[in-house]
């Protein structure tokens, strides 16, 4: 009985940790949408802001990868 409750806790914790993966998707969409809105308002400045776009997307995706890593650790290592 104890093992089943502990295993259930691992899976619940992993599911909660994966919420960050969805948050990363929302963050990437937000960054790309704001870049597109700014590029449509001022097309001349869009080329200069492309590096900032990729940095923002990389940070958002890194947080999603970290939350996925935590979920995997909770499922298999704990």
C-alpha atoms as a PDB file:
ATOM      1  CA  UNK A   1       0.000   0.000   0.000  1.00  0.00           C
ATOM      2  CA  UNK A   2       2.822   2.428   0.822  1.00  0.00           C
ATOM      3  CA  UNK A   3       4.509   1.904  -2.532  1.00  0.00           C
ATOM      4  CA  UNK A   4       1.347   2.689  -4.435  1.00  0.00           C
ATOM      5  CA  UNK A   5       0.816   5.969  -2.601  1.00  0.00           C
ATOM      6  CA  UNK A   6       4.431   7.004  -3.184  1.00  0.00           C
ATOM      7  CA  UNK A   7       4.175   6.123  -6.867  1.00  0.00           C
ATOM      8  CA  UNK A   8       0.950   8.110  -7.141  1.00  0.00           C
ATOM      9  CA  UNK A   9       2.722  11.098  -5.582  1.00  0.00           C
ATOM     10  CA  UNK A  10       5.516  10.838  -8.142  1.00  0.00           C
ATOM     11  CA  UNK A  11       3.081  10.907 -11.035  1.00  0.00           C
ATOM     12  CA  UNK A  12       1.060  13.791  -9.590  1.00  0.00           C
ATOM     13  CA  UNK A  13       4.257  15.780  -9.009  1.00  0.00           C
ATOM     14  CA  UNK A  14       5.446  15.048 -12.546  1.00  0.00           C
ATOM     15  CA  UNK A  15       2.119  16.206 -13.957  1.00  0.00           C
ATOM     16  CA  UNK A  16       2.278  19.431 -11.979  1.00  0.00           C
ATOM     17  CA  UNK A  17       5.872  19.993 -13.119  1.00  0.00           C
ATOM     18  CA  UNK A  18       4.779  19.616 -16.756  1.00  0.00           C
ATOM     19  CA  UNK A  19       2.549  22.663 -16.432  1.00  0.00           C
ATOM     20  CA  UNK A  20       5.747  24.602 -17.147  1.00  0.00           C
ATOM     21  CA  UNK A  21       5.912  22.994 -20.594  1.00  0.00           C
ATOM     22  CA  UNK A  22       2.569  24.529 -21.454  1.00  0.00           C
ATOM     23  CA  UNK A  23       3.709  27.825 -19.994  1.00  0.00           C
ATOM     24  CA  UNK A  24       6.739  27.751 -22.269  1.00  0.00           C
ATOM     25  CA  UNK A  25       4.488  27.334 -25.296  1.00  0.00           C
ATOM     26  CA  UNK A  26       2.392  30.291 -24.201  1.00  0.00           C
ATOM     27  CA  UNK A  27       5.563  32.336 -23.614  1.00  0.00           C
ATOM     28  CA  UNK A  28       6.966  31.594 -27.059  1.00  0.00           C
ATOM     29  CA  UNK A  29       3.659  32.551 -28.648  1.00  0.00           C
ATOM     30  CA  UNK A  30       3.585  35.774 -26.672  1.00  0.00           C
ATOM     31  CA  UNK A  31       7.146  36.714 -27.665  1.00  0.00           C
ATOM     32  CA  UNK A  32       6.580  35.916 -31.351  1.00  0.00           C
ATOM     33  CA  UNK A  33       3.220  37.696 -31.418  1.00  0.00           C
ATOM     34  CA  UNK A  34       4.638  40.862 -29.898  1.00  0.00           C
ATOM     35  CA  UNK A  35       7.543  40.792 -32.343  1.00  0.00           C
ATOM     36  CA  UNK A  36       5.146  40.427 -35.254  1.00  0.00           C
ATOM     37  CA  UNK A  37       2.972  43.282 -33.997  1.00  0.00           C
ATOM     38  CA  UNK A  38       6.027  45.522 -33.654  1.00  0.00           C
ATOM     39  CA  UNK A  39       7.388  44.497 -37.060  1.00  0.00           C
ATOM     40  CA  UNK A  40       4.090  45.343 -38.723  1.00  0.00           C
ATOM     41  CA  UNK A  41       4.058  48.782 -37.094  1.00  0.00           C
ATOM     42  CA  UNK A  42       7.665  49.581 -38.012  1.00  0.00           C
ATOM     43  CA  UNK A  43       9.043  47.284 -40.710  1.00  0.00           C
ATOM     44  CA  UNK A  44      12.349  49.163 -40.890  1.00  0.00           C
ATOM     45  CA  UNK A  45      13.240  48.251 -37.296  1.00  0.00           C
ATOM     46  CA  UNK A  46      12.238  44.591 -37.585  1.00  0.00           C
ATOM     47  CA  UNK A  47      15.677  43.485 -38.776  1.00  0.00           C
ATOM     48  CA  UNK A  48      17.360  44.951 -35.715  1.00  0.00           C
ATOM     49  CA  UNK A  49      14.972  43.203 -33.323  1.00  0.00           C
ATOM     50  CA  UNK A  50      15.360  39.686 -34.734  1.00  0.00           C
ATOM     51  CA  UNK A  51      18.207  38.816 -32.347  1.00  0.00           C
ATOM     52  CA  UNK A  52      16.055  39.896 -29.396  1.00  0.00           C
ATOM     53  CA  UNK A  53      13.257  37.674 -30.703  1.00  0.00           C
ATOM     54  CA  UNK A  54      15.486  34.611 -30.759  1.00  0.00           C
ATOM     55  CA  UNK A  55      16.888  35.339 -27.290  1.00  0.00           C
ATOM     56  CA  UNK A  56      13.366  35.642 -25.885  1.00  0.00           C
ATOM     57  CA  UNK A  57      12.271  32.408 -27.528  1.00  0.00           C
ATOM     58  CA  UNK A  58      15.384  30.626 -26.220  1.00  0.00           C
ATOM     59  CA  UNK A  59      14.735  31.736 -22.632  1.00  0.00           C
ATOM     60  CA  UNK A  60      11.088  30.666 -22.807  1.00  0.00           C
ATOM     61  CA  UNK A  61      12.002  27.273 -24.253  1.00  0.00           C
ATOM     62  CA  UNK A  62      14.754  26.775 -21.668  1.00  0.00           C
ATOM     63  CA  UNK A  63      12.206  27.105 -18.874  1.00  0.00           C
ATOM     64  CA  UNK A  64      10.018  24.519 -20.582  1.00  0.00           C
ATOM     65  CA  UNK A  65      12.940  22.121 -20.914  1.00  0.00           C
ATOM     66  CA  UNK A  66      13.818  22.593 -17.236  1.00  0.00           C
ATOM     67  CA  UNK A  67      10.255  21.797 -16.165  1.00  0.00           C
ATOM     68  CA  UNK A  68      10.271  18.704 -18.381  1.00  0.00           C
ATOM     69  CA  UNK A  69      13.559  17.623 -16.795  1.00  0.00           C
ATOM     70  CA  UNK A  70      12.076  18.037 -13.314  1.00  0.00           C
ATOM     71  CA  UNK A  71       9.073  15.942 -14.361  1.00  0.00           C
ATOM     72  CA  UNK A  72      11.328  13.168 -15.634  1.00  0.00           C
ATOM     73  CA  UNK A  73      13.372  13.261 -12.456  1.00  0.00           C
ATOM     74  CA  UNK A  74      10.234  12.984 -10.363  1.00  0.00           C
ATOM     75  CA  UNK A  75       8.959  10.047 -12.368  1.00  0.00           C
ATOM     76  CA  UNK A  76      12.110   7.957 -12.658  1.00  0.00           C
ATOM     77  CA  UNK A  77      14.756   9.096 -10.163  1.00  0.00           C
ATOM     78  CA  UNK A  78      12.818   9.704  -6.953  1.00  0.00           C
END
